[in-house]
């Protein structure tokens, strides 16, 4: 398995990263859990087929697909050699590009053309060229920056809320958030879900758990330290959160920890 990530440093903050994934014959059959990161993604599979299982639904990853918000971990299965490239977007970028309700994508991995034919027409030619690495990221950023983006007070407020949640590492209440965002709770929650796909509370919970998992994978801190750092009250709360997002116990997870998820969660 080869998994490479190219992080964006562009100040426009529309794309978080460009990635390349190859599953070689020696890694087959391949199966790994994938923890959602609170961001939409797009991936173009050039060779082979990705089978993505979310709950009791199975989606087929072939050519250019878009992935919505997933509240819990999901399974990626590959039975043949495969090669794909894709991007992780800033949480509001997909809305800014399409002005569509991104919550309709929740728990789905579907062809981009089904969600937005116009965006598919813009991005598909780029992926067909099979560009690589930092150069691919730069070209893609230039393409997206040239598109008309939906920017208004609501997008500014949601972006500000996201920045606050991220800075606080997900450890913030909705009341604390509203003290810094000049709108009603209903307005913030409605606009946040429209543009991000999740409510602020659910996004913060997912973001916090994602950081916790990175620390776990890096083996920097003990479970006890992590419980205290992420305000999880006690070990039972930690295990409850872990089971909720990963659908298994920490002991079971670390017994079968995959190289993919370690690389996928690497900062």
C-alpha atoms as a PDB file:
ATOM      1  CA  UNK A   1       0.000   0.000   0.000  1.00  0.00           C
ATOM      2  CA  UNK A   2       1.221   3.484  -0.909  1.00  0.00           C
ATOM      3  CA  UNK A   3      -0.472   6.515   0.601  1.00  0.00           C
ATOM      4  CA  UNK A   4       0.979   9.982  -0.009  1.00  0.00           C
ATOM      5  CA  UNK A   5      -0.413  13.301   1.204  1.00  0.00           C
ATOM      6  CA  UNK A   6       0.428  16.813   0.013  1.00  0.00           C
ATOM      7  CA  UNK A   7      -0.735  19.480   2.454  1.00  0.00           C
ATOM      8  CA  UNK A   8      -1.959  22.816   1.152  1.00  0.00           C
ATOM      9  CA  UNK A   9      -0.363  26.048   2.353  1.00  0.00           C
ATOM     10  CA  UNK A  10      -2.579  28.291   0.238  1.00  0.00           C
ATOM     11  CA  UNK A  11      -4.013  31.239   2.186  1.00  0.00           C
ATOM     12  CA  UNK A  12      -7.413  30.907   0.478  1.00  0.00           C
ATOM     13  CA  UNK A  13      -8.003  27.803   2.605  1.00  0.00           C
ATOM     14  CA  UNK A  14     -10.219  25.954   0.114  1.00  0.00           C
ATOM     15  CA  UNK A  15      -8.334  22.659  -0.206  1.00  0.00           C
ATOM     16  CA  UNK A  16      -6.721  20.952   2.776  1.00  0.00           C
ATOM     17  CA  UNK A  17      -4.725  18.329   0.935  1.00  0.00           C
ATOM     18  CA  UNK A  18      -4.193  16.289  -2.215  1.00  0.00           C
ATOM     19  CA  UNK A  19      -3.665  12.537  -1.760  1.00  0.00           C
ATOM     20  CA  UNK A  20      -2.610   9.504  -3.774  1.00  0.00           C
ATOM     21  CA  UNK A  21      -3.521   5.923  -2.822  1.00  0.00           C
ATOM     22  CA  UNK A  22      -2.269   2.731  -4.436  1.00  0.00           C
ATOM     23  CA  UNK A  23      -3.236  -0.736  -3.255  1.00  0.00           C
ATOM     24  CA  UNK A  24      -0.702  -3.173  -4.645  1.00  0.00           C
ATOM     25  CA  UNK A  25      -1.138  -6.902  -5.221  1.00  0.00           C
ATOM     26  CA  UNK A  26       0.878  -7.775  -2.107  1.00  0.00           C
ATOM     27  CA  UNK A  27      -1.631  -5.880   0.097  1.00  0.00           C
ATOM     28  CA  UNK A  28      -4.695  -7.755  -1.184  1.00  0.00           C
ATOM     29  CA  UNK A  29      -7.297  -8.383   0.032  1.00  0.00           C
ATOM     30  CA  UNK A  30      -7.256  -4.926   1.627  1.00  0.00           C
ATOM     31  CA  UNK A  31      -9.609  -3.799   4.366  1.00  0.00           C
ATOM     32  CA  UNK A  32      -9.373  -0.831   6.687  1.00  0.00           C
ATOM     33  CA  UNK A  33     -11.574   1.386   8.768  1.00  0.00           C
ATOM     34  CA  UNK A  34     -11.621   5.054   7.834  1.00  0.00           C
ATOM     35  CA  UNK A  35     -12.341   7.686  10.454  1.00  0.00           C
ATOM     36  CA  UNK A  36     -14.218  10.732   9.072  1.00  0.00           C
ATOM     37  CA  UNK A  37     -12.381  14.015   9.582  1.00  0.00           C
ATOM     38  CA  UNK A  38     -15.305  16.429   9.272  1.00  0.00           C
ATOM     39  CA  UNK A  39     -14.415  17.332   5.682  1.00  0.00           C
ATOM     40  CA  UNK A  40     -15.806  16.491   2.267  1.00  0.00           C
ATOM     41  CA  UNK A  41     -13.563  14.652  -0.141  1.00  0.00           C
ATOM     42  CA  UNK A  42     -13.395  13.749  -3.799  1.00  0.00           C
ATOM     43  CA  UNK A  43     -11.509  10.824  -5.262  1.00  0.00           C
ATOM     44  CA  UNK A  44     -10.900   9.571  -8.781  1.00  0.00           C
ATOM     45  CA  UNK A  45     -10.277   5.825  -9.030  1.00  0.00           C
ATOM     46  CA  UNK A  46      -8.352   5.052 -12.226  1.00  0.00           C
ATOM     47  CA  UNK A  47      -7.858   1.366 -11.718  1.00  0.00           C
ATOM     48  CA  UNK A  48      -9.777  -1.225  -9.740  1.00  0.00           C
ATOM     49  CA  UNK A  49     -12.783  -0.645  -7.506  1.00  0.00           C
ATOM     50  CA  UNK A  50     -13.198   0.665  -3.970  1.00  0.00           C
ATOM     51  CA  UNK A  51     -16.051  -0.846  -1.984  1.00  0.00           C
ATOM     52  CA  UNK A  52     -17.105   1.547   0.765  1.00  0.00           C
ATOM     53  CA  UNK A  53     -19.442   0.288   3.472  1.00  0.00           C
ATOM     54  CA  UNK A  54     -21.335   2.823   5.590  1.00  0.00           C
ATOM     55  CA  UNK A  55     -23.673   1.076   8.008  1.00  0.00           C
ATOM     56  CA  UNK A  56     -25.615  -1.402   5.881  1.00  0.00           C
ATOM     57  CA  UNK A  57     -25.019   0.433   2.595  1.00  0.00           C
ATOM     58  CA  UNK A  58     -22.245  -0.367   0.119  1.00  0.00           C
ATOM     59  CA  UNK A  59     -21.001   2.279  -2.322  1.00  0.00           C
ATOM     60  CA  UNK A  60     -18.733   1.632  -5.299  1.00  0.00           C
ATOM     61  CA  UNK A  61     -15.819   4.012  -5.763  1.00  0.00           C
ATOM     62  CA  UNK A  62     -15.092   4.255  -9.478  1.00  0.00           C
ATOM     63  CA  UNK A  63     -13.903   7.306 -11.427  1.00  0.00           C
ATOM     64  CA  UNK A  64     -14.823  10.644  -9.774  1.00  0.00           C
ATOM     65  CA  UNK A  65     -16.886  10.426  -6.585  1.00  0.00           C
ATOM     66  CA  UNK A  66     -17.694  12.843  -3.777  1.00  0.00           C
ATOM     67  CA  UNK A  67     -17.933  11.771  -0.142  1.00  0.00           C
ATOM     68  CA  UNK A  68     -20.212  13.493   2.333  1.00  0.00           C
ATOM     69  CA  UNK A  69     -19.979  13.783   6.086  1.00  0.00           C
ATOM     70  CA  UNK A  70     -19.862  10.430   7.848  1.00  0.00           C
ATOM     71  CA  UNK A  71     -20.624  10.457  11.567  1.00  0.00           C
ATOM     72  CA  UNK A  72     -18.783   7.218  12.386  1.00  0.00           C
ATOM     73  CA  UNK A  73     -15.954   5.152  10.956  1.00  0.00           C
ATOM     74  CA  UNK A  74     -16.677   3.193   7.792  1.00  0.00           C
ATOM     75  CA  UNK A  75     -15.012   0.318   5.922  1.00  0.00           C
ATOM     76  CA  UNK A  76     -12.894   0.459   2.793  1.00  0.00           C
ATOM     77  CA  UNK A  77     -12.495  -2.865   0.972  1.00  0.00           C
ATOM     78  CA  UNK A  78     -10.361  -3.529  -2.101  1.00  0.00           C
ATOM     79  CA  UNK A  79     -10.084  -6.928  -3.800  1.00  0.00           C
ATOM     80  CA  UNK A  80      -7.897  -5.967  -6.765  1.00  0.00           C
ATOM     81  CA  UNK A  81      -4.978  -3.666  -7.481  1.00  0.00           C
ATOM     82  CA  UNK A  82      -6.210  -0.103  -7.425  1.00  0.00           C
ATOM     83  CA  UNK A  83      -4.996   3.440  -7.889  1.00  0.00           C
ATOM     84  CA  UNK A  84      -6.783   6.645  -6.964  1.00  0.00           C
ATOM     85  CA  UNK A  85      -6.100  10.330  -6.345  1.00  0.00           C
ATOM     86  CA  UNK A  86      -8.221  12.833  -4.503  1.00  0.00           C
ATOM     87  CA  UNK A  87      -8.625  15.875  -2.306  1.00  0.00           C
ATOM     88  CA  UNK A  88      -9.834  16.769   1.160  1.00  0.00           C
ATOM     89  CA  UNK A  89     -11.698  20.068   1.143  1.00  0.00           C
ATOM     90  CA  UNK A  90     -12.092  22.721   3.802  1.00  0.00           C
ATOM     91  CA  UNK A  91     -15.499  21.978   5.425  1.00  0.00           C
ATOM     92  CA  UNK A  92     -17.328  24.841   3.648  1.00  0.00           C
ATOM     93  CA  UNK A  93     -15.631  24.672   0.237  1.00  0.00           C
ATOM     94  CA  UNK A  94     -18.130  22.310  -1.394  1.00  0.00           C
ATOM     95  CA  UNK A  95     -21.014  24.589  -0.432  1.00  0.00           C
ATOM     96  CA  UNK A  96     -19.143  27.670  -1.668  1.00  0.00           C
ATOM     97  CA  UNK A  97     -18.574  25.978  -5.015  1.00  0.00           C
ATOM     98  CA  UNK A  98     -22.107  24.658  -5.544  1.00  0.00           C
ATOM     99  CA  UNK A  99     -24.442  26.575  -3.190  1.00  0.00           C
ATOM    100  CA  UNK A 100     -26.100  23.196  -2.575  1.00  0.00           C
ATOM    101  CA  UNK A 101     -27.164  21.717   0.761  1.00  0.00           C
ATOM    102  CA  UNK A 102     -24.183  19.478   1.517  1.00  0.00           C
ATOM    103  CA  UNK A 103     -26.065  17.647   4.282  1.00  0.00           C
ATOM    104  CA  UNK A 104     -27.839  15.704   1.507  1.00  0.00           C
ATOM    105  CA  UNK A 105     -24.498  13.948   0.994  1.00  0.00           C
ATOM    106  CA  UNK A 106     -24.275  12.705   4.573  1.00  0.00           C
ATOM    107  CA  UNK A 107     -23.322   9.003   4.817  1.00  0.00           C
ATOM    108  CA  UNK A 108     -22.923   8.801   1.031  1.00  0.00           C
ATOM    109  CA  UNK A 109     -20.133   8.233  -1.500  1.00  0.00           C
ATOM    110  CA  UNK A 110     -21.635   8.988  -4.905  1.00  0.00           C
ATOM    111  CA  UNK A 111     -20.552  10.159  -8.380  1.00  0.00           C
ATOM    112  CA  UNK A 112     -19.826  13.882  -8.313  1.00  0.00           C
ATOM    113  CA  UNK A 113     -21.967  14.243 -11.435  1.00  0.00           C
ATOM    114  CA  UNK A 114     -25.017  13.128  -9.426  1.00  0.00           C
ATOM    115  CA  UNK A 115     -24.473  15.829  -6.814  1.00  0.00           C
ATOM    116  CA  UNK A 116     -23.307  18.598  -9.171  1.00  0.00           C
ATOM    117  CA  UNK A 117     -22.898  18.062 -12.911  1.00  0.00           C
ATOM    118  CA  UNK A 118     -21.364  21.513 -13.327  1.00  0.00           C
ATOM    119  CA  UNK A 119     -18.640  20.879 -10.722  1.00  0.00           C
ATOM    120  CA  UNK A 120     -17.987  17.468 -12.265  1.00  0.00           C
ATOM    121  CA  UNK A 121     -17.468  19.144 -15.649  1.00  0.00           C
ATOM    122  CA  UNK A 122     -14.908  21.483 -14.079  1.00  0.00           C
ATOM    123  CA  UNK A 123     -12.915  18.943 -12.065  1.00  0.00           C
ATOM    124  CA  UNK A 124     -13.121  15.756 -14.111  1.00  0.00           C
ATOM    125  CA  UNK A 125     -10.706  17.001 -16.842  1.00  0.00           C
ATOM    126  CA  UNK A 126      -8.116  17.731 -14.140  1.00  0.00           C
ATOM    127  CA  UNK A 127      -8.272  14.231 -12.665  1.00  0.00           C
ATOM    128  CA  UNK A 128      -8.214  12.578 -16.086  1.00  0.00           C
ATOM    129  CA  UNK A 129      -4.738  14.105 -16.628  1.00  0.00           C
ATOM    130  CA  UNK A 130      -3.368  12.021 -13.714  1.00  0.00           C
ATOM    131  CA  UNK A 131      -1.165  14.790 -12.350  1.00  0.00           C
ATOM    132  CA  UNK A 132       0.984  14.053  -9.312  1.00  0.00           C
ATOM    133  CA  UNK A 133       2.152  15.591  -6.061  1.00  0.00           C
ATOM    134  CA  UNK A 134       2.557  19.232  -5.181  1.00  0.00           C
ATOM    135  CA  UNK A 135       2.174  20.278  -8.813  1.00  0.00           C
ATOM    136  CA  UNK A 136      -1.255  18.629  -8.973  1.00  0.00           C
ATOM    137  CA  UNK A 137      -2.282  20.397  -5.775  1.00  0.00           C
ATOM    138  CA  UNK A 138      -1.210  23.792  -7.109  1.00  0.00           C
ATOM    139  CA  UNK A 139      -3.024  23.328 -10.432  1.00  0.00           C
ATOM    140  CA  UNK A 140      -6.183  22.198  -8.659  1.00  0.00           C
ATOM    141  CA  UNK A 141      -6.068  25.151  -6.260  1.00  0.00           C
ATOM    142  CA  UNK A 142      -5.785  27.518  -9.222  1.00  0.00           C
ATOM    143  CA  UNK A 143      -8.797  25.877 -10.880  1.00  0.00           C
ATOM    144  CA  UNK A 144     -10.960  26.173  -7.775  1.00  0.00           C
ATOM    145  CA  UNK A 145      -9.951  29.768  -7.023  1.00  0.00           C
ATOM    146  CA  UNK A 146     -11.139  30.790 -10.491  1.00  0.00           C
ATOM    147  CA  UNK A 147     -14.659  29.517  -9.808  1.00  0.00           C
ATOM    148  CA  UNK A 148     -17.405  31.854  -8.555  1.00  0.00           C
ATOM    149  CA  UNK A 149     -17.673  31.226  -4.812  1.00  0.00           C
ATOM    150  CA  UNK A 150     -20.622  31.911  -2.538  1.00  0.00           C
ATOM    151  CA  UNK A 151     -19.244  34.333   0.055  1.00  0.00           C
ATOM    152  CA  UNK A 152     -21.501  36.277   2.414  1.00  0.00           C
ATOM    153  CA  UNK A 153     -22.061  36.974   6.114  1.00  0.00           C
ATOM    154  CA  UNK A 154     -23.383  33.466   6.691  1.00  0.00           C
ATOM    155  CA  UNK A 155     -20.306  31.784   5.171  1.00  0.00           C
ATOM    156  CA  UNK A 156     -18.082  34.130   7.192  1.00  0.00           C
ATOM    157  CA  UNK A 157     -19.892  33.196  10.415  1.00  0.00           C
ATOM    158  CA  UNK A 158     -19.661  29.469   9.726  1.00  0.00           C
ATOM    159  CA  UNK A 159     -15.973  29.747   8.836  1.00  0.00           C
ATOM    160  CA  UNK A 160     -15.387  31.722  12.042  1.00  0.00           C
ATOM    161  CA  UNK A 161     -17.221  29.065  14.062  1.00  0.00           C
ATOM    162  CA  UNK A 162     -15.084  26.342  12.452  1.00  0.00           C
ATOM    163  CA  UNK A 163     -11.891  28.248  13.262  1.00  0.00           C
ATOM    164  CA  UNK A 164     -12.947  28.638  16.902  1.00  0.00           C
ATOM    165  CA  UNK A 165     -13.873  24.948  17.244  1.00  0.00           C
ATOM    166  CA  UNK A 166     -10.575  23.894  15.688  1.00  0.00           C
ATOM    167  CA  UNK A 167      -8.563  26.251  17.888  1.00  0.00           C
ATOM    168  CA  UNK A 168     -10.331  24.918  20.986  1.00  0.00           C
ATOM    169  CA  UNK A 169      -9.731  21.348  19.740  1.00  0.00           C
ATOM    170  CA  UNK A 170     -13.467  20.669  19.817  1.00  0.00           C
ATOM    171  CA  UNK A 171     -13.670  21.464  23.525  1.00  0.00           C
ATOM    172  CA  UNK A 172     -16.304  24.211  23.357  1.00  0.00           C
ATOM    173  CA  UNK A 173     -20.035  24.422  24.061  1.00  0.00           C
ATOM    174  CA  UNK A 174     -22.598  25.933  21.711  1.00  0.00           C
ATOM    175  CA  UNK A 175     -23.208  28.719  24.250  1.00  0.00           C
ATOM    176  CA  UNK A 176     -19.519  29.642  24.280  1.00  0.00           C
ATOM    177  CA  UNK A 177     -19.545  29.611  20.492  1.00  0.00           C
ATOM    178  CA  UNK A 178     -22.576  31.923  20.321  1.00  0.00           C
ATOM    179  CA  UNK A 179     -20.790  34.441  22.526  1.00  0.00           C
ATOM    180  CA  UNK A 180     -18.382  34.964  19.624  1.00  0.00           C
ATOM    181  CA  UNK A 181     -20.765  34.575  16.668  1.00  0.00           C
ATOM    182  CA  UNK A 182     -23.444  37.336  16.413  1.00  0.00           C
ATOM    183  CA  UNK A 183     -26.394  35.133  15.380  1.00  0.00           C
ATOM    184  CA  UNK A 184     -29.093  33.053  17.057  1.00  0.00           C
ATOM    185  CA  UNK A 185     -28.446  29.410  17.921  1.00  0.00           C
ATOM    186  CA  UNK A 186     -31.017  28.256  15.358  1.00  0.00           C
ATOM    187  CA  UNK A 187     -29.446  30.337  12.582  1.00  0.00           C
ATOM    188  CA  UNK A 188     -25.938  29.131  13.345  1.00  0.00           C
ATOM    189  CA  UNK A 189     -26.983  25.479  13.524  1.00  0.00           C
ATOM    190  CA  UNK A 190     -29.062  25.701  10.329  1.00  0.00           C
ATOM    191  CA  UNK A 191     -26.367  27.445   8.289  1.00  0.00           C
ATOM    192  CA  UNK A 192     -23.593  25.292   9.722  1.00  0.00           C
ATOM    193  CA  UNK A 193     -25.413  22.085   8.749  1.00  0.00           C
ATOM    194  CA  UNK A 194     -26.222  23.495   5.297  1.00  0.00           C
ATOM    195  CA  UNK A 195     -22.572  24.339   4.579  1.00  0.00           C
ATOM    196  CA  UNK A 196     -20.691  21.705   6.597  1.00  0.00           C
ATOM    197  CA  UNK A 197     -23.216  18.863   6.788  1.00  0.00           C
ATOM    198  CA  UNK A 198     -23.135  18.552  10.577  1.00  0.00           C
ATOM    199  CA  UNK A 199     -24.314  20.731  13.445  1.00  0.00           C
ATOM    200  CA  UNK A 200     -21.584  22.629  15.345  1.00  0.00           C
ATOM    201  CA  UNK A 201     -21.953  20.248  18.302  1.00  0.00           C
ATOM    202  CA  UNK A 202     -21.549  17.108  16.177  1.00  0.00           C
ATOM    203  CA  UNK A 203     -18.650  18.617  14.239  1.00  0.00           C
ATOM    204  CA  UNK A 204     -16.870  19.585  17.477  1.00  0.00           C
ATOM    205  CA  UNK A 205     -17.345  16.075  18.880  1.00  0.00           C
ATOM    206  CA  UNK A 206     -15.964  14.493  15.712  1.00  0.00           C
ATOM    207  CA  UNK A 207     -13.067  16.956  15.527  1.00  0.00           C
ATOM    208  CA  UNK A 208     -12.150  16.286  19.158  1.00  0.00           C
ATOM    209  CA  UNK A 209     -12.190  12.529  18.631  1.00  0.00           C
ATOM    210  CA  UNK A 210     -10.071  12.849  15.482  1.00  0.00           C
ATOM    211  CA  UNK A 211      -7.381  14.677  17.449  1.00  0.00           C
ATOM    212  CA  UNK A 212      -7.566  12.073  20.185  1.00  0.00           C
ATOM    213  CA  UNK A 213      -7.053   9.288  17.633  1.00  0.00           C
ATOM    214  CA  UNK A 214      -4.010  11.048  16.206  1.00  0.00           C
ATOM    215  CA  UNK A 215      -2.472  11.174  19.682  1.00  0.00           C
ATOM    216  CA  UNK A 216      -3.331   7.510  20.225  1.00  0.00           C
ATOM    217  CA  UNK A 217      -1.699   6.514  16.947  1.00  0.00           C
ATOM    218  CA  UNK A 218       1.379   8.593  17.679  1.00  0.00           C
ATOM    219  CA  UNK A 219       1.673   6.830  21.060  1.00  0.00           C
ATOM    220  CA  UNK A 220       2.571  10.191  22.606  1.00  0.00           C
ATOM    221  CA  UNK A 221       0.200   9.992  25.560  1.00  0.00           C
ATOM    222  CA  UNK A 222      -1.419   7.370  27.744  1.00  0.00           C
ATOM    223  CA  UNK A 223      -5.191   6.826  27.725  1.00  0.00           C
ATOM    224  CA  UNK A 224      -5.324   8.507  31.137  1.00  0.00           C
ATOM    225  CA  UNK A 225      -3.591  11.616  29.781  1.00  0.00           C
ATOM    226  CA  UNK A 226      -5.869  11.681  26.728  1.00  0.00           C
ATOM    227  CA  UNK A 227      -8.989  11.388  28.881  1.00  0.00           C
ATOM    228  CA  UNK A 228      -7.906  14.437  30.877  1.00  0.00           C
ATOM    229  CA  UNK A 229      -6.733  16.411  27.837  1.00  0.00           C
ATOM    230  CA  UNK A 230      -9.990  15.982  25.912  1.00  0.00           C
ATOM    231  CA  UNK A 231     -12.369  16.523  28.829  1.00  0.00           C
ATOM    232  CA  UNK A 232     -13.791  12.994  28.643  1.00  0.00           C
ATOM    233  CA  UNK A 233     -14.484  12.903  32.393  1.00  0.00           C
ATOM    234  CA  UNK A 234     -13.443   9.287  32.961  1.00  0.00           C
ATOM    235  CA  UNK A 235     -12.402   6.055  31.253  1.00  0.00           C
ATOM    236  CA  UNK A 236     -15.987   4.878  30.743  1.00  0.00           C
ATOM    237  CA  UNK A 237     -16.742   8.044  28.758  1.00  0.00           C
ATOM    238  CA  UNK A 238     -13.595   7.495  26.710  1.00  0.00           C
ATOM    239  CA  UNK A 239     -14.580   3.905  25.883  1.00  0.00           C
ATOM    240  CA  UNK A 240     -18.110   5.045  25.041  1.00  0.00           C
ATOM    241  CA  UNK A 241     -16.775   7.673  22.606  1.00  0.00           C
ATOM    242  CA  UNK A 242     -14.362   5.152  21.095  1.00  0.00           C
ATOM    243  CA  UNK A 243     -17.088   2.571  20.538  1.00  0.00           C
ATOM    244  CA  UNK A 244     -19.408   5.213  19.078  1.00  0.00           C
ATOM    245  CA  UNK A 245     -16.943   6.374  16.422  1.00  0.00           C
ATOM    246  CA  UNK A 246     -14.991   3.172  15.777  1.00  0.00           C
ATOM    247  CA  UNK A 247     -17.695   0.521  16.369  1.00  0.00           C
ATOM    248  CA  UNK A 248     -15.254  -1.506  18.457  1.00  0.00           C
ATOM    249  CA  UNK A 249     -13.321  -1.356  21.712  1.00  0.00           C
ATOM    250  CA  UNK A 250      -9.874   0.301  21.931  1.00  0.00           C
ATOM    251  CA  UNK A 251      -8.342  -3.096  22.728  1.00  0.00           C
ATOM    252  CA  UNK A 252      -9.838  -4.680  19.618  1.00  0.00           C
ATOM    253  CA  UNK A 253      -8.834  -1.711  17.455  1.00  0.00           C
ATOM    254  CA  UNK A 254      -5.185  -1.645  18.511  1.00  0.00           C
ATOM    255  CA  UNK A 255      -4.898  -5.392  18.185  1.00  0.00           C
ATOM    256  CA  UNK A 256      -5.695  -5.054  14.459  1.00  0.00           C
ATOM    257  CA  UNK A 257      -4.506  -1.507  13.809  1.00  0.00           C
ATOM    258  CA  UNK A 258      -3.894  -0.927  10.090  1.00  0.00           C
ATOM    259  CA  UNK A 259      -1.028   0.928   8.438  1.00  0.00           C
ATOM    260  CA  UNK A 260      -3.542   2.860   6.339  1.00  0.00           C
ATOM    261  CA  UNK A 261      -5.380   4.481   9.229  1.00  0.00           C
ATOM    262  CA  UNK A 262      -2.077   5.411  10.892  1.00  0.00           C
ATOM    263  CA  UNK A 263      -0.952   7.180   7.717  1.00  0.00           C
ATOM    264  CA  UNK A 264      -4.411   8.611   7.080  1.00  0.00           C
ATOM    265  CA  UNK A 265      -4.523  10.223  10.532  1.00  0.00           C
ATOM    266  CA  UNK A 266      -0.946  11.486  10.419  1.00  0.00           C
ATOM    267  CA  UNK A 267      -0.867  15.297  10.934  1.00  0.00           C
END
